[in-house]
PDB file of all heavy atoms in Angstrom:
ATOM      1  N   ALA A   1     -29.252 -33.765  -5.891  1.00  0.00           N
ATOM      2  CA  ALA A   1     -29.046 -33.086  -4.613  1.00  0.00           C
ATOM      3  C   ALA A   1     -28.781 -34.150  -3.559  1.00  0.00           C
ATOM      4  O   ALA A   1     -29.549 -35.114  -3.433  1.00  0.00           O
ATOM      5  CB  ALA A   1     -30.268 -32.256  -4.231  1.00  0.00           C
ATOM      6  N   GLN A   2     -27.700 -33.989  -2.820  1.00  0.00           N
ATOM      7  CA  GLN A   2     -27.310 -34.970  -1.825  1.00  0.00           C
ATOM      8  C   GLN A   2     -27.869 -34.591  -0.456  1.00  0.00           C
ATOM      9  O   GLN A   2     -28.052 -33.411  -0.149  1.00  0.00           O
ATOM     10  CB  GLN A   2     -25.784 -35.066  -1.766  1.00  0.00           C
ATOM     11  CG  GLN A   2     -25.161 -35.461  -3.094  1.00  0.00           C
ATOM     12  CD  GLN A   2     -23.648 -35.339  -3.108  1.00  0.00           C
ATOM     13  OE1 GLN A   2     -23.036 -35.002  -2.093  1.00  0.00           O
ATOM     14  NE2 GLN A   2     -23.038 -35.596  -4.258  1.00  0.00           N
ATOM     15  N   ARG A   3     -28.119 -35.579   0.351  1.00  0.00           N
ATOM     16  CA  ARG A   3     -28.687 -35.336   1.672  1.00  0.00           C
ATOM     17  C   ARG A   3     -27.740 -34.479   2.526  1.00  0.00           C
ATOM     18  O   ARG A   3     -26.548 -34.724   2.598  1.00  0.00           O
ATOM     19  CB  ARG A   3     -28.951 -36.664   2.385  1.00  0.00           C
ATOM     20  CG  ARG A   3     -29.657 -36.515   3.726  1.00  0.00           C
ATOM     21  CD  ARG A   3     -29.936 -37.877   4.337  1.00  0.00           C
ATOM     22  NE  ARG A   3     -30.774 -38.683   3.459  1.00  0.00           N
ATOM     23  CZ  ARG A   3     -32.099 -38.581   3.387  1.00  0.00           C
ATOM     24  NH1 ARG A   3     -32.732 -37.679   4.120  1.00  0.00           N
ATOM     25  NH2 ARG A   3     -32.786 -39.357   2.573  1.00  0.00           N
ATOM     26  N   GLY A   4     -28.306 -33.438   3.156  1.00  0.00           N
ATOM     27  CA  GLY A   4     -27.547 -32.631   4.104  1.00  0.00           C
ATOM     28  C   GLY A   4     -26.649 -31.573   3.494  1.00  0.00           C
ATOM     29  O   GLY A   4     -25.852 -30.963   4.201  1.00  0.00           O
ATOM     30  N   GLU A   5     -26.782 -31.303   2.191  1.00  0.00           N
ATOM     31  CA  GLU A   5     -25.914 -30.303   1.566  1.00  0.00           C
ATOM     32  C   GLU A   5     -26.694 -29.031   1.239  1.00  0.00           C
ATOM     33  O   GLU A   5     -27.930 -29.006   1.235  1.00  0.00           O
ATOM     34  CB  GLU A   5     -25.297 -30.854   0.275  1.00  0.00           C
ATOM     35  CG  GLU A   5     -26.262 -30.972  -0.888  1.00  0.00           C
ATOM     36  CD  GLU A   5     -25.571 -31.334  -2.205  1.00  0.00           C
ATOM     37  OE1 GLU A   5     -24.332 -31.292  -2.251  1.00  0.00           O
ATOM     38  OE2 GLU A   5     -26.283 -31.656  -3.172  1.00  0.00           O
ATOM     39  N   ILE A   6     -25.934 -27.971   0.961  1.00  0.00           N
ATOM     40  CA  ILE A   6     -26.497 -26.753   0.393  1.00  0.00           C
ATOM     41  C   ILE A   6     -26.074 -26.724  -1.069  1.00  0.00           C
ATOM     42  O   ILE A   6     -24.900 -26.576  -1.382  1.00  0.00           O
ATOM     43  CB  ILE A   6     -26.006 -25.500   1.124  1.00  0.00           C
ATOM     44  CG1 ILE A   6     -26.407 -25.540   2.600  1.00  0.00           C
ATOM     45  CG2 ILE A   6     -26.586 -24.236   0.473  1.00  0.00           C
ATOM     46  CD1 ILE A   6     -25.956 -24.338   3.402  1.00  0.00           C
ATOM     47  N   LEU A   7     -27.051 -26.895  -1.949  1.00  0.00           N
ATOM     48  CA  LEU A   7     -26.796 -26.952  -3.384  1.00  0.00           C
ATOM     49  C   LEU A   7     -27.238 -25.632  -4.003  1.00  0.00           C
ATOM     50  O   LEU A   7     -28.392 -25.222  -3.855  1.00  0.00           O
ATOM     51  CB  LEU A   7     -27.562 -28.115  -4.014  1.00  0.00           C
ATOM     52  CG  LEU A   7     -27.403 -28.311  -5.528  1.00  0.00           C
ATOM     53  CD1 LEU A   7     -25.952 -28.632  -5.883  1.00  0.00           C
ATOM     54  CD2 LEU A   7     -28.332 -29.416  -6.025  1.00  0.00           C
ATOM     55  N   GLY A   8     -26.323 -24.961  -4.673  1.00  0.00           N
ATOM     56  CA  GLY A   8     -26.615 -23.681  -5.291  1.00  0.00           C
ATOM     57  C   GLY A   8     -27.006 -23.832  -6.748  1.00  0.00           C
ATOM     58  O   GLY A   8     -26.268 -24.433  -7.534  1.00  0.00           O
ATOM     59  N   LEU A   9     -28.161 -23.325  -7.095  1.00  0.00           N
ATOM     60  CA  LEU A   9     -28.617 -23.267  -8.487  1.00  0.00           C
ATOM     61  C   LEU A   9     -28.194 -21.898  -9.010  1.00  0.00           C
ATOM     62  O   LEU A   9     -28.787 -20.872  -8.655  1.00  0.00           O
ATOM     63  CB  LEU A   9     -30.131 -23.454  -8.540  1.00  0.00           C
ATOM     64  CG  LEU A   9     -30.794 -23.659  -9.892  1.00  0.00           C
ATOM     65  CD1 LEU A   9     -30.248 -24.900 -10.583  1.00  0.00           C
ATOM     66  CD2 LEU A   9     -32.294 -23.756  -9.717  1.00  0.00           C
ATOM     67  N   ILE A  10     -27.157 -21.872  -9.833  1.00  0.00           N
ATOM     68  CA  ILE A  10     -26.446 -20.643 -10.154  1.00  0.00           C
ATOM     69  C   ILE A  10     -26.680 -20.257 -11.604  1.00  0.00           C
ATOM     70  O   ILE A  10     -26.615 -21.093 -12.505  1.00  0.00           O
ATOM     71  CB  ILE A  10     -24.929 -20.810  -9.913  1.00  0.00           C
ATOM     72  CG1 ILE A  10     -24.666 -21.378  -8.516  1.00  0.00           C
ATOM     73  CG2 ILE A  10     -24.208 -19.493 -10.113  1.00  0.00           C
ATOM     74  CD1 ILE A  10     -25.255 -20.577  -7.395  1.00  0.00           C
ATOM     75  N   GLY A  11     -26.917 -18.967 -11.821  1.00  0.00           N
ATOM     76  CA  GLY A  11     -27.064 -18.487 -13.189  1.00  0.00           C
ATOM     77  C   GLY A  11     -27.617 -17.082 -13.202  1.00  0.00           C
ATOM     78  O   GLY A  11     -28.189 -16.613 -12.212  1.00  0.00           O
ATOM     79  N   PRO A  12     -27.471 -16.377 -14.308  1.00  0.00           N
ATOM     80  CA  PRO A  12     -27.978 -15.005 -14.404  1.00  0.00           C
ATOM     81  C   PRO A  12     -29.497 -14.993 -14.486  1.00  0.00           C
ATOM     82  O   PRO A  12     -30.144 -16.031 -14.646  1.00  0.00           O
ATOM     83  CB  PRO A  12     -27.347 -14.504 -15.707  1.00  0.00           C
ATOM     84  CG  PRO A  12     -27.181 -15.743 -16.535  1.00  0.00           C
ATOM     85  CD  PRO A  12     -26.846 -16.831 -15.563  1.00  0.00           C
ATOM     86  N   ASN A  13     -30.073 -13.810 -14.374  1.00  0.00           N
ATOM     87  CA  ASN A  13     -31.504 -13.677 -14.591  1.00  0.00           C
ATOM     88  C   ASN A  13     -31.861 -14.180 -15.983  1.00  0.00           C
ATOM     89  O   ASN A  13     -31.173 -13.879 -16.956  1.00  0.00           O
ATOM     90  CB  ASN A  13     -31.927 -12.218 -14.437  1.00  0.00           C
ATOM     91  CG  ASN A  13     -31.799 -11.734 -13.007  1.00  0.00           C
ATOM     92  OD1 ASN A  13     -31.923 -12.512 -12.061  1.00  0.00           O
ATOM     93  ND2 ASN A  13     -31.544 -10.444 -12.833  1.00  0.00           N
ATOM     94  N   GLY A  14     -32.929 -14.979 -16.064  1.00  0.00           N
ATOM     95  CA  GLY A  14     -33.332 -15.548 -17.345  1.00  0.00           C
ATOM     96  C   GLY A  14     -32.708 -16.883 -17.658  1.00  0.00           C
ATOM     97  O   GLY A  14     -32.959 -17.449 -18.734  1.00  0.00           O
ATOM     98  N   ALA A  15     -31.905 -17.413 -16.737  1.00  0.00           N
ATOM     99  CA  ALA A  15     -31.247 -18.704 -16.992  1.00  0.00           C
ATOM    100  C   ALA A  15     -32.196 -19.883 -16.850  1.00  0.00           C
ATOM    101  O   ALA A  15     -31.876 -20.989 -17.279  1.00  0.00           O
ATOM    102  CB  ALA A  15     -30.051 -18.883 -16.055  1.00  0.00           C
ATOM    103  N   GLY A  16     -33.354 -19.676 -16.206  1.00  0.00           N
ATOM    104  CA  GLY A  16     -34.312 -20.762 -16.013  1.00  0.00           C
ATOM    105  C   GLY A  16     -34.401 -21.261 -14.588  1.00  0.00           C
ATOM    106  O   GLY A  16     -35.081 -22.260 -14.326  1.00  0.00           O
ATOM    107  N   LYS A  17     -33.771 -20.565 -13.651  1.00  0.00           N
ATOM    108  CA  LYS A  17     -33.735 -21.040 -12.262  1.00  0.00           C
ATOM    109  C   LYS A  17     -35.131 -21.091 -11.643  1.00  0.00           C
ATOM    110  O   LYS A  17     -35.522 -22.103 -11.055  1.00  0.00           O
ATOM    111  CB  LYS A  17     -32.819 -20.136 -11.420  1.00  0.00           C
ATOM    112  CG  LYS A  17     -31.395 -20.014 -11.937  1.00  0.00           C
ATOM    113  CD  LYS A  17     -30.493 -19.280 -10.970  1.00  0.00           C
ATOM    114  CE  LYS A  17     -30.963 -17.865 -10.650  1.00  0.00           C
ATOM    115  NZ  LYS A  17     -30.966 -16.984 -11.849  1.00  0.00           N
ATOM    116  N   THR A  18     -35.879 -20.000 -11.761  1.00  0.00           N
ATOM    117  CA  THR A  18     -37.212 -19.957 -11.157  1.00  0.00           C
ATOM    118  C   THR A  18     -38.146 -20.958 -11.822  1.00  0.00           C
ATOM    119  O   THR A  18     -38.919 -21.653 -11.145  1.00  0.00           O
ATOM    120  CB  THR A  18     -37.792 -18.538 -11.251  1.00  0.00           C
ATOM    121  OG1 THR A  18     -36.966 -17.639 -10.506  1.00  0.00           O
ATOM    122  CG2 THR A  18     -39.215 -18.494 -10.708  1.00  0.00           C
ATOM    123  N   THR A  19     -38.077 -21.068 -13.139  1.00  0.00           N
ATOM    124  CA  THR A  19     -38.904 -22.048 -13.851  1.00  0.00           C
ATOM    125  C   THR A  19     -38.614 -23.457 -13.342  1.00  0.00           C
ATOM    126  O   THR A  19     -39.531 -24.254 -13.118  1.00  0.00           O
ATOM    127  CB  THR A  19     -38.649 -21.972 -15.367  1.00  0.00           C
ATOM    128  OG1 THR A  19     -38.991 -20.669 -15.836  1.00  0.00           O
ATOM    129  CG2 THR A  19     -39.469 -23.010 -16.112  1.00  0.00           C
ATOM    130  N   LEU A  20     -37.348 -23.769 -13.127  1.00  0.00           N
ATOM    131  CA  LEU A  20     -36.981 -25.095 -12.640  1.00  0.00           C
ATOM    132  C   LEU A  20     -37.528 -25.336 -11.238  1.00  0.00           C
ATOM    133  O   LEU A  20     -38.089 -26.413 -10.964  1.00  0.00           O
ATOM    134  CB  LEU A  20     -35.458 -25.251 -12.646  1.00  0.00           C
ATOM    135  CG  LEU A  20     -34.906 -26.575 -12.127  1.00  0.00           C
ATOM    136  CD1 LEU A  20     -35.494 -27.753 -12.892  1.00  0.00           C
ATOM    137  CD2 LEU A  20     -33.386 -26.581 -12.204  1.00  0.00           C
ATOM    138  N   LEU A  21     -37.415 -24.365 -10.353  1.00  0.00           N
ATOM    139  CA  LEU A  21     -37.934 -24.535  -9.002  1.00  0.00           C
ATOM    140  C   LEU A  21     -39.453 -24.703  -9.016  1.00  0.00           C
ATOM    141  O   LEU A  21     -40.004 -25.489  -8.238  1.00  0.00           O
ATOM    142  CB  LEU A  21     -37.542 -23.337  -8.132  1.00  0.00           C
ATOM    143  CG  LEU A  21     -36.058 -23.203  -7.797  1.00  0.00           C
ATOM    144  CD1 LEU A  21     -35.826 -21.990  -6.904  1.00  0.00           C
ATOM    145  CD2 LEU A  21     -35.518 -24.462  -7.130  1.00  0.00           C
ATOM    146  N   GLU A  22     -40.128 -23.975  -9.883  1.00  0.00           N
ATOM    147  CA  GLU A  22     -41.583 -24.111  -9.971  1.00  0.00           C
ATOM    148  C   GLU A  22     -41.986 -25.480 -10.491  1.00  0.00           C
ATOM    149  O   GLU A  22     -42.988 -26.053 -10.064  1.00  0.00           O
ATOM    150  CB  GLU A  22     -42.154 -23.007 -10.859  1.00  0.00           C
ATOM    151  CG  GLU A  22     -42.064 -21.623 -10.223  1.00  0.00           C
ATOM    152  CD  GLU A  22     -42.604 -20.530 -11.116  1.00  0.00           C
ATOM    153  OE1 GLU A  22     -42.811 -20.794 -12.326  1.00  0.00           O
ATOM    154  OE2 GLU A  22     -42.813 -19.407 -10.617  1.00  0.00           O
ATOM    155  N   ILE A  23     -41.202 -26.035 -11.400  1.00  0.00           N
ATOM    156  CA  ILE A  23     -41.476 -27.387 -11.897  1.00  0.00           C
ATOM    157  C   ILE A  23     -41.221 -28.411 -10.797  1.00  0.00           C
ATOM    158  O   ILE A  23     -42.031 -29.323 -10.569  1.00  0.00           O
ATOM    159  CB  ILE A  23     -40.627 -27.688 -13.143  1.00  0.00           C
ATOM    160  CG1 ILE A  23     -41.160 -26.896 -14.344  1.00  0.00           C
ATOM    161  CG2 ILE A  23     -40.628 -29.180 -13.454  1.00  0.00           C
ATOM    162  CD1 ILE A  23     -40.295 -27.008 -15.584  1.00  0.00           C
ATOM    163  N   LEU A  24     -40.093 -28.274 -10.095  1.00  0.00           N
ATOM    164  CA  LEU A  24     -39.782 -29.229  -9.037  1.00  0.00           C
ATOM    165  C   LEU A  24     -40.838 -29.213  -7.943  1.00  0.00           C
ATOM    166  O   LEU A  24     -41.198 -30.263  -7.404  1.00  0.00           O
ATOM    167  CB  LEU A  24     -38.402 -28.919  -8.445  1.00  0.00           C
ATOM    168  CG  LEU A  24     -37.208 -29.098  -9.371  1.00  0.00           C
ATOM    169  CD1 LEU A  24     -35.914 -28.774  -8.633  1.00  0.00           C
ATOM    170  CD2 LEU A  24     -37.160 -30.510  -9.929  1.00  0.00           C
ATOM    171  N   SER A  25     -41.349 -28.046  -7.615  1.00  0.00           N
ATOM    172  CA  SER A  25     -42.343 -27.942  -6.544  1.00  0.00           C
ATOM    173  C   SER A  25     -43.733 -28.377  -6.983  1.00  0.00           C
ATOM    174  O   SER A  25     -44.627 -28.534  -6.145  1.00  0.00           O
ATOM    175  CB  SER A  25     -42.401 -26.503  -6.025  1.00  0.00           C
ATOM    176  OG  SER A  25     -42.864 -25.621  -7.024  1.00  0.00           O
ATOM    177  N   GLY A  26     -43.934 -28.534  -8.282  1.00  0.00           N
ATOM    178  CA  GLY A  26     -45.231 -28.946  -8.787  1.00  0.00           C
ATOM    179  C   GLY A  26     -46.142 -27.813  -9.191  1.00  0.00           C
ATOM    180  O   GLY A  26     -47.290 -28.037  -9.581  1.00  0.00           O
ATOM    181  N   LEU A  27     -45.634 -26.572  -9.148  1.00  0.00           N
ATOM    182  CA  LEU A  27     -46.453 -25.424  -9.540  1.00  0.00           C
ATOM    183  C   LEU A  27     -46.584 -25.295 -11.049  1.00  0.00           C
ATOM    184  O   LEU A  27     -47.547 -24.707 -11.544  1.00  0.00           O
ATOM    185  CB  LEU A  27     -45.843 -24.134  -8.972  1.00  0.00           C
ATOM    186  CG  LEU A  27     -45.859 -23.987  -7.452  1.00  0.00           C
ATOM    187  CD1 LEU A  27     -45.132 -22.715  -7.047  1.00  0.00           C
ATOM    188  CD2 LEU A  27     -47.287 -23.986  -6.931  1.00  0.00           C
ATOM    189  N   LEU A  28     -45.618 -25.832 -11.774  1.00  0.00           N
ATOM    190  CA  LEU A  28     -45.583 -25.714 -13.229  1.00  0.00           C
ATOM    191  C   LEU A  28     -45.274 -27.087 -13.814  1.00  0.00           C
ATOM    192  O   LEU A  28     -44.354 -27.762 -13.337  1.00  0.00           O
ATOM    193  CB  LEU A  28     -44.498 -24.702 -13.633  1.00  0.00           C
ATOM    194  CG  LEU A  28     -44.406 -24.281 -15.092  1.00  0.00           C
ATOM    195  CD1 LEU A  28     -45.615 -23.425 -15.470  1.00  0.00           C
ATOM    196  CD2 LEU A  28     -43.118 -23.476 -15.317  1.00  0.00           C
ATOM    197  N   PRO A  29     -45.998 -27.523 -14.833  1.00  0.00           N
ATOM    198  CA  PRO A  29     -45.704 -28.829 -15.419  1.00  0.00           C
ATOM    199  C   PRO A  29     -44.473 -28.780 -16.325  1.00  0.00           C
ATOM    200  O   PRO A  29     -44.203 -27.757 -16.966  1.00  0.00           O
ATOM    201  CB  PRO A  29     -46.961 -29.148 -16.227  1.00  0.00           C
ATOM    202  CG  PRO A  29     -47.502 -27.803 -16.608  1.00  0.00           C
ATOM    203  CD  PRO A  29     -47.187 -26.891 -15.455  1.00  0.00           C
ATOM    204  N   ALA A  30     -43.744 -29.859 -16.361  1.00  0.00           N
ATOM    205  CA  ALA A  30     -42.650 -30.000 -17.316  1.00  0.00           C
ATOM    206  C   ALA A  30     -43.183 -30.609 -18.609  1.00  0.00           C
ATOM    207  O   ALA A  30     -44.161 -31.354 -18.600  1.00  0.00           O
ATOM    208  CB  ALA A  30     -41.554 -30.889 -16.736  1.00  0.00           C
ATOM    209  N   ASP A  31     -42.549 -30.291 -19.721  1.00  0.00           N
ATOM    210  CA  ASP A  31     -42.914 -30.931 -20.979  1.00  0.00           C
ATOM    211  C   ASP A  31     -42.379 -32.359 -21.043  1.00  0.00           C
ATOM    212  O   ASP A  31     -42.976 -33.226 -21.685  1.00  0.00           O
ATOM    213  CB  ASP A  31     -42.364 -30.119 -22.155  1.00  0.00           C
ATOM    214  CG  ASP A  31     -43.034 -28.762 -22.279  1.00  0.00           C
ATOM    215  OD1 ASP A  31     -44.213 -28.637 -21.887  1.00  0.00           O
ATOM    216  OD2 ASP A  31     -42.376 -27.819 -22.758  1.00  0.00           O
ATOM    217  N   SER A  32     -41.260 -32.575 -20.379  1.00  0.00           N
ATOM    218  CA  SER A  32     -40.681 -33.919 -20.339  1.00  0.00           C
ATOM    219  C   SER A  32     -39.733 -34.001 -19.148  1.00  0.00           C
ATOM    220  O   SER A  32     -39.373 -32.993 -18.549  1.00  0.00           O
ATOM    221  CB  SER A  32     -39.918 -34.215 -21.637  1.00  0.00           C
ATOM    222  OG  SER A  32     -38.845 -33.305 -21.819  1.00  0.00           O
ATOM    223  N   GLY A  33     -39.328 -35.217 -18.822  1.00  0.00           N
ATOM    224  CA  GLY A  33     -38.402 -35.424 -17.722  1.00  0.00           C
ATOM    225  C   GLY A  33     -39.089 -35.986 -16.494  1.00  0.00           C
ATOM    226  O   GLY A  33     -40.312 -36.180 -16.462  1.00  0.00           O
TER     227      GLY A  33
END
């Protein structure tokens, strides 16, 4: 994600978008990465 941009995380329901946001925010642990 670049400074000052609007980055769209795009995909259908079930694509993993919410899981990814929860991992990035620290609400959910990642298995790796």
